[in-house]
């Protein structure tokens, strides 16, 4: 299956389990990989036949900005459900990272795959 992806979509959100995390917006990075058959779009060269990654990115960004989850696991799950419900994809892989959340690492987070 073909893949359409968005890498390092950076959005500020309220996320975390500590009190201070509930009071500030933190940078979240999201990678999205979606299974989508690109043959028709490649043949027609028409955006109407493609998976419009700009629309996916805008929808996910708007959702994250309004969210107030404690866990990145919850955020990843909710993002996957939105994409699978609202866009014509058969499978999605979501990686949610919190840059700088743990001393000594670039980022921490989760990666999930949902059919």
N, C-alpha and C. Protein backbone atom coordinates (compact mmCIF):
# COMPACT_ATOMS: atom_id res chain seq x y z
N UNK A 1 0.85 -1.19 0.00
CA UNK A 1 0.00 0.00 0.00
C UNK A 1 0.89 1.24 0.00
N UNK A 2 0.43 2.25 -0.71
CA UNK A 2 1.14 3.52 -0.74
C UNK A 2 1.01 4.22 0.62
N UNK A 3 1.93 5.12 0.88
CA UNK A 3 1.93 5.87 2.14
C UNK A 3 1.92 7.37 1.83
N UNK A 4 1.12 8.08 2.57
CA UNK A 4 1.13 9.54 2.56
C UNK A 4 1.52 9.94 3.97
N UNK A 5 2.48 10.86 4.10
CA UNK A 5 2.97 11.15 5.44
C UNK A 5 3.11 12.64 5.71
N UNK A 6 3.08 12.95 6.99
CA UNK A 6 3.38 14.28 7.51
C UNK A 6 4.39 14.05 8.62
N UNK A 7 5.54 14.65 8.51
CA UNK A 7 6.58 14.48 9.54
C UNK A 7 6.78 15.76 10.34
N UNK A 8 6.93 15.57 11.63
CA UNK A 8 7.26 16.66 12.54
C UNK A 8 6.28 17.83 12.49
N UNK A 9 4.99 17.51 12.55
CA UNK A 9 3.97 18.54 12.67
C UNK A 9 4.04 19.07 14.10
N UNK A 10 4.47 20.31 14.26
CA UNK A 10 4.67 20.88 15.59
C UNK A 10 3.47 21.73 16.00
N UNK A 11 2.93 21.40 17.17
CA UNK A 11 1.73 22.07 17.67
C UNK A 11 1.91 22.26 19.18
N UNK A 12 1.47 23.39 19.69
CA UNK A 12 1.50 23.61 21.14
C UNK A 12 0.19 23.14 21.75
N UNK A 13 0.32 22.44 22.90
CA UNK A 13 -0.85 21.87 23.55
C UNK A 13 -0.64 21.80 25.05
N UNK A 14 -1.74 21.71 25.77
CA UNK A 14 -1.69 21.40 27.20
C UNK A 14 -1.70 19.88 27.29
N UNK A 15 -0.60 19.33 27.81
CA UNK A 15 -0.51 17.87 27.95
C UNK A 15 0.47 17.53 29.06
N UNK A 16 0.13 16.54 29.86
CA UNK A 16 1.03 16.12 30.91
C UNK A 16 0.29 15.80 32.20
N UNK A 17 0.99 15.14 33.10
CA UNK A 17 0.38 14.69 34.36
C UNK A 17 0.71 15.59 35.54
N UNK A 18 1.71 16.44 35.40
CA UNK A 18 2.12 17.29 36.52
C UNK A 18 1.34 18.60 36.49
N UNK A 19 1.13 19.19 37.66
CA UNK A 19 0.35 20.42 37.77
C UNK A 19 0.89 21.52 36.87
N UNK A 20 2.22 21.69 36.84
CA UNK A 20 2.79 22.76 36.01
C UNK A 20 2.49 22.52 34.53
N UNK A 21 2.37 21.25 34.12
CA UNK A 21 2.06 20.92 32.72
C UNK A 21 0.62 21.28 32.36
N UNK A 22 -0.23 21.35 33.36
CA UNK A 22 -1.63 21.69 33.12
C UNK A 22 -1.83 23.19 32.97
N UNK A 23 -0.77 23.95 33.27
CA UNK A 23 -0.86 25.41 33.27
C UNK A 23 -0.11 26.08 32.12
N UNK A 24 0.60 25.29 31.32
CA UNK A 24 1.37 25.86 30.20
C UNK A 24 1.11 25.05 28.93
N UNK A 25 1.43 25.66 27.82
CA UNK A 25 1.35 24.95 26.55
C UNK A 25 2.76 24.43 26.22
N UNK A 26 2.82 23.18 25.83
CA UNK A 26 4.10 22.55 25.48
C UNK A 26 4.10 22.19 24.00
N UNK A 27 5.28 22.16 23.43
CA UNK A 27 5.42 21.77 22.03
C UNK A 27 5.27 20.26 21.90
N UNK A 28 4.42 19.85 20.99
CA UNK A 28 4.21 18.44 20.67
C UNK A 28 4.61 18.27 19.21
N UNK A 29 5.26 17.18 18.90
CA UNK A 29 5.61 16.85 17.52
C UNK A 29 4.85 15.59 17.11
N UNK A 30 4.22 15.64 15.94
CA UNK A 30 3.43 14.50 15.48
C UNK A 30 3.90 14.07 14.09
N UNK A 31 4.14 12.77 13.95
CA UNK A 31 4.39 12.17 12.64
C UNK A 31 3.17 11.33 12.30
N UNK A 32 2.71 11.47 11.06
CA UNK A 32 1.52 10.74 10.62
C UNK A 32 1.87 10.01 9.33
N UNK A 33 1.57 8.73 9.28
CA UNK A 33 1.75 7.94 8.06
C UNK A 33 0.43 7.25 7.77
N UNK A 34 -0.11 7.47 6.57
CA UNK A 34 -1.43 6.96 6.22
C UNK A 34 -1.37 6.07 4.99
N UNK A 35 -2.04 4.93 5.05
CA UNK A 35 -2.14 4.05 3.89
C UNK A 35 -3.22 4.60 2.97
N UNK A 36 -2.82 4.86 1.72
CA UNK A 36 -3.75 5.42 0.74
C UNK A 36 -3.27 5.02 -0.65
N UNK A 37 -4.18 4.56 -1.49
CA UNK A 37 -3.84 4.16 -2.85
C UNK A 37 -3.69 5.41 -3.72
N UNK A 38 -2.46 5.70 -4.12
CA UNK A 38 -2.17 6.91 -4.89
C UNK A 38 -2.28 6.74 -6.41
N UNK A 39 -2.64 5.55 -6.89
CA UNK A 39 -2.64 5.30 -8.34
C UNK A 39 -3.56 6.26 -9.11
N UNK A 40 -4.76 6.44 -8.62
CA UNK A 40 -5.72 7.30 -9.33
C UNK A 40 -5.21 8.74 -9.38
N UNK A 41 -4.71 9.24 -8.27
CA UNK A 41 -4.18 10.61 -8.24
C UNK A 41 -2.97 10.75 -9.15
N UNK A 42 -2.11 9.76 -9.17
CA UNK A 42 -0.93 9.82 -10.03
C UNK A 42 -1.33 9.85 -11.50
N UNK A 43 -2.38 9.12 -11.84
CA UNK A 43 -2.84 9.07 -13.23
C UNK A 43 -3.55 10.37 -13.64
N UNK A 44 -4.40 10.89 -12.76
CA UNK A 44 -5.19 12.08 -13.11
C UNK A 44 -4.44 13.38 -12.89
N UNK A 45 -3.46 13.37 -12.00
CA UNK A 45 -2.72 14.58 -11.61
C UNK A 45 -3.68 15.64 -11.07
N UNK A 46 -4.70 15.18 -10.32
CA UNK A 46 -5.74 16.05 -9.78
C UNK A 46 -5.84 15.86 -8.27
N UNK A 47 -5.80 16.96 -7.53
CA UNK A 47 -5.85 16.90 -6.06
C UNK A 47 -7.13 16.23 -5.56
N UNK A 48 -8.20 16.29 -6.33
CA UNK A 48 -9.45 15.65 -5.91
C UNK A 48 -9.30 14.14 -5.75
N UNK A 49 -8.33 13.56 -6.42
CA UNK A 49 -8.11 12.12 -6.35
C UNK A 49 -7.03 11.74 -5.33
N UNK A 50 -6.43 12.73 -4.71
CA UNK A 50 -5.33 12.49 -3.77
C UNK A 50 -5.83 12.61 -2.33
N UNK A 51 -5.02 12.12 -1.41
CA UNK A 51 -5.26 12.36 0.00
C UNK A 51 -4.62 13.71 0.31
N UNK A 52 -5.43 14.69 0.61
CA UNK A 52 -4.94 16.05 0.80
C UNK A 52 -4.31 16.18 2.19
N UNK A 53 -2.99 16.03 2.23
CA UNK A 53 -2.28 16.06 3.52
C UNK A 53 -2.38 17.42 4.20
N UNK A 54 -2.61 18.48 3.43
CA UNK A 54 -2.78 19.79 4.06
C UNK A 54 -4.06 19.82 4.91
N UNK A 55 -5.13 19.23 4.40
CA UNK A 55 -6.38 19.16 5.17
C UNK A 55 -6.22 18.28 6.41
N UNK A 56 -5.50 17.18 6.27
CA UNK A 56 -5.23 16.32 7.42
C UNK A 56 -4.45 17.10 8.48
N UNK A 57 -3.40 17.78 8.05
CA UNK A 57 -2.58 18.56 8.98
C UNK A 57 -3.35 19.64 9.70
N UNK A 58 -4.21 20.35 8.97
CA UNK A 58 -5.01 21.40 9.59
C UNK A 58 -5.98 20.82 10.61
N UNK A 59 -6.60 19.70 10.27
CA UNK A 59 -7.57 19.08 11.18
C UNK A 59 -6.89 18.60 12.46
N UNK A 60 -5.74 17.94 12.30
CA UNK A 60 -5.01 17.44 13.46
C UNK A 60 -4.49 18.59 14.31
N UNK A 61 -3.97 19.62 13.68
CA UNK A 61 -3.46 20.79 14.41
C UNK A 61 -4.57 21.42 15.23
N UNK A 62 -5.72 21.65 14.64
CA UNK A 62 -6.85 22.26 15.36
C UNK A 62 -7.26 21.40 16.55
N UNK A 63 -7.29 20.09 16.36
CA UNK A 63 -7.66 19.19 17.45
C UNK A 63 -6.66 19.26 18.60
N UNK A 64 -5.38 19.19 18.27
CA UNK A 64 -4.34 19.20 19.31
C UNK A 64 -4.36 20.52 20.08
N UNK A 65 -4.54 21.62 19.38
CA UNK A 65 -4.54 22.93 20.05
C UNK A 65 -5.65 23.03 21.09
N UNK A 66 -6.78 22.38 20.85
CA UNK A 66 -7.91 22.44 21.78
C UNK A 66 -7.85 21.36 22.86
N UNK A 67 -7.00 20.36 22.67
CA UNK A 67 -6.98 19.22 23.58
C UNK A 67 -6.33 19.56 24.91
N UNK A 68 -6.64 18.74 25.92
CA UNK A 68 -6.07 18.91 27.27
C UNK A 68 -5.87 17.53 27.91
N UNK A 69 -5.21 16.64 27.22
CA UNK A 69 -5.01 15.29 27.72
C UNK A 69 -3.83 15.24 28.68
N UNK A 70 -3.82 14.23 29.51
CA UNK A 70 -2.69 14.00 30.39
C UNK A 70 -1.61 13.16 29.70
N UNK A 71 -2.02 12.19 28.90
CA UNK A 71 -1.09 11.24 28.31
C UNK A 71 -0.96 11.39 26.80
N UNK A 72 0.27 11.22 26.30
CA UNK A 72 0.48 11.22 24.85
C UNK A 72 -0.19 9.99 24.23
N UNK A 73 -0.35 8.93 24.99
CA UNK A 73 -1.04 7.74 24.50
C UNK A 73 -2.49 8.08 24.11
N UNK A 74 -3.15 8.85 24.94
CA UNK A 74 -4.53 9.26 24.65
C UNK A 74 -4.58 10.15 23.43
N UNK A 75 -3.67 11.11 23.35
CA UNK A 75 -3.64 12.02 22.21
C UNK A 75 -3.42 11.25 20.90
N UNK A 76 -2.48 10.31 20.89
CA UNK A 76 -2.23 9.51 19.68
C UNK A 76 -3.46 8.72 19.26
N UNK A 77 -4.13 8.11 20.23
CA UNK A 77 -5.33 7.32 19.93
C UNK A 77 -6.43 8.19 19.33
N UNK A 78 -6.66 9.36 19.91
CA UNK A 78 -7.71 10.27 19.42
C UNK A 78 -7.38 10.77 18.01
N UNK A 79 -6.12 11.09 17.75
CA UNK A 79 -5.72 11.54 16.41
C UNK A 79 -5.98 10.43 15.40
N UNK A 80 -5.62 9.19 15.74
CA UNK A 80 -5.83 8.09 14.80
C UNK A 80 -7.31 7.92 14.48
N UNK A 81 -8.17 8.04 15.49
CA UNK A 81 -9.61 7.88 15.28
C UNK A 81 -10.16 8.98 14.36
N UNK A 82 -9.70 10.20 14.54
CA UNK A 82 -10.15 11.31 13.68
C UNK A 82 -9.77 11.05 12.23
N UNK A 83 -8.53 10.67 12.00
CA UNK A 83 -8.05 10.46 10.63
C UNK A 83 -8.79 9.30 9.97
N UNK A 84 -8.94 8.20 10.68
CA UNK A 84 -9.63 7.04 10.11
C UNK A 84 -11.11 7.32 9.83
N UNK A 85 -11.72 8.16 10.64
CA UNK A 85 -13.14 8.47 10.46
C UNK A 85 -13.37 9.52 9.37
N UNK A 86 -12.49 10.52 9.29
CA UNK A 86 -12.76 11.67 8.43
C UNK A 86 -12.03 11.67 7.09
N UNK A 87 -11.09 10.76 6.91
CA UNK A 87 -10.31 10.74 5.67
C UNK A 87 -10.28 9.32 5.10
N UNK A 88 -10.16 9.18 3.78
CA UNK A 88 -10.25 7.86 3.14
C UNK A 88 -8.94 7.07 3.22
N UNK A 89 -8.53 6.73 4.44
CA UNK A 89 -7.32 5.94 4.62
C UNK A 89 -7.68 4.60 5.25
N UNK A 90 -6.90 3.58 4.93
CA UNK A 90 -7.20 2.24 5.44
C UNK A 90 -6.43 1.90 6.71
N UNK A 91 -5.34 2.61 6.94
CA UNK A 91 -4.53 2.38 8.14
C UNK A 91 -3.74 3.64 8.42
N UNK A 92 -3.45 3.87 9.70
CA UNK A 92 -2.70 5.07 10.07
C UNK A 92 -1.67 4.72 11.15
N UNK A 93 -0.52 5.34 11.03
CA UNK A 93 0.52 5.24 12.06
C UNK A 93 0.73 6.64 12.62
N UNK A 94 0.64 6.76 13.92
CA UNK A 94 0.79 8.05 14.59
C UNK A 94 1.95 7.96 15.57
N UNK A 95 2.82 8.94 15.52
CA UNK A 95 3.90 9.06 16.51
C UNK A 95 3.75 10.43 17.15
N UNK A 96 3.58 10.45 18.47
CA UNK A 96 3.47 11.70 19.21
C UNK A 96 4.70 11.81 20.12
N UNK A 97 5.42 12.91 20.00
CA UNK A 97 6.64 13.13 20.78
C UNK A 97 6.53 14.42 21.57
N UNK A 98 7.14 14.39 22.76
CA UNK A 98 7.28 15.59 23.58
C UNK A 98 8.77 15.93 23.61
N UNK A 99 9.20 16.87 22.79
CA UNK A 99 10.62 17.26 22.79
C UNK A 99 11.02 17.85 24.13
N UNK A 100 12.20 17.44 24.60
CA UNK A 100 12.73 17.99 25.84
C UNK A 100 12.05 17.54 27.11
N UNK A 101 11.19 16.54 27.03
CA UNK A 101 10.45 16.11 28.22
C UNK A 101 11.29 15.31 29.20
N UNK A 102 12.39 14.74 28.73
CA UNK A 102 13.24 13.96 29.62
C UNK A 102 14.70 14.35 29.41
N UNK A 103 15.31 14.72 30.49
CA UNK A 103 16.72 15.12 30.43
C UNK A 103 17.55 14.01 29.80
N UNK A 104 18.42 14.40 28.88
CA UNK A 104 19.30 13.44 28.23
C UNK A 104 18.77 12.87 26.93
N UNK A 105 17.51 13.19 26.58
CA UNK A 105 16.96 12.70 25.30
C UNK A 105 16.39 13.86 24.50
N UNK A 106 16.34 13.69 23.20
CA UNK A 106 15.73 14.71 22.34
C UNK A 106 14.23 14.80 22.57
N UNK A 107 13.60 13.62 22.71
CA UNK A 107 12.15 13.60 22.92
C UNK A 107 11.74 12.23 23.43
N UNK A 108 10.53 12.18 23.95
CA UNK A 108 9.91 10.92 24.37
C UNK A 108 8.50 10.89 23.80
N UNK A 109 7.91 9.71 23.71
CA UNK A 109 6.55 9.64 23.19
C UNK A 109 6.11 8.23 22.90
N UNK A 110 5.11 8.14 22.03
CA UNK A 110 4.55 6.84 21.65
C UNK A 110 4.34 6.80 20.15
N UNK A 111 4.28 5.58 19.65
CA UNK A 111 3.94 5.35 18.25
C UNK A 111 2.89 4.24 18.22
N UNK A 112 1.79 4.47 17.49
CA UNK A 112 0.72 3.47 17.38
C UNK A 112 0.36 3.26 15.92
N UNK A 113 -0.17 2.09 15.62
CA UNK A 113 -0.69 1.77 14.29
C UNK A 113 -2.11 1.27 14.47
N UNK A 114 -3.03 1.85 13.70
CA UNK A 114 -4.43 1.46 13.79
C UNK A 114 -5.00 1.19 12.39
N UNK A 115 -5.72 0.05 12.25
CA UNK A 115 -6.35 -0.26 10.95
C UNK A 115 -7.64 0.51 10.76
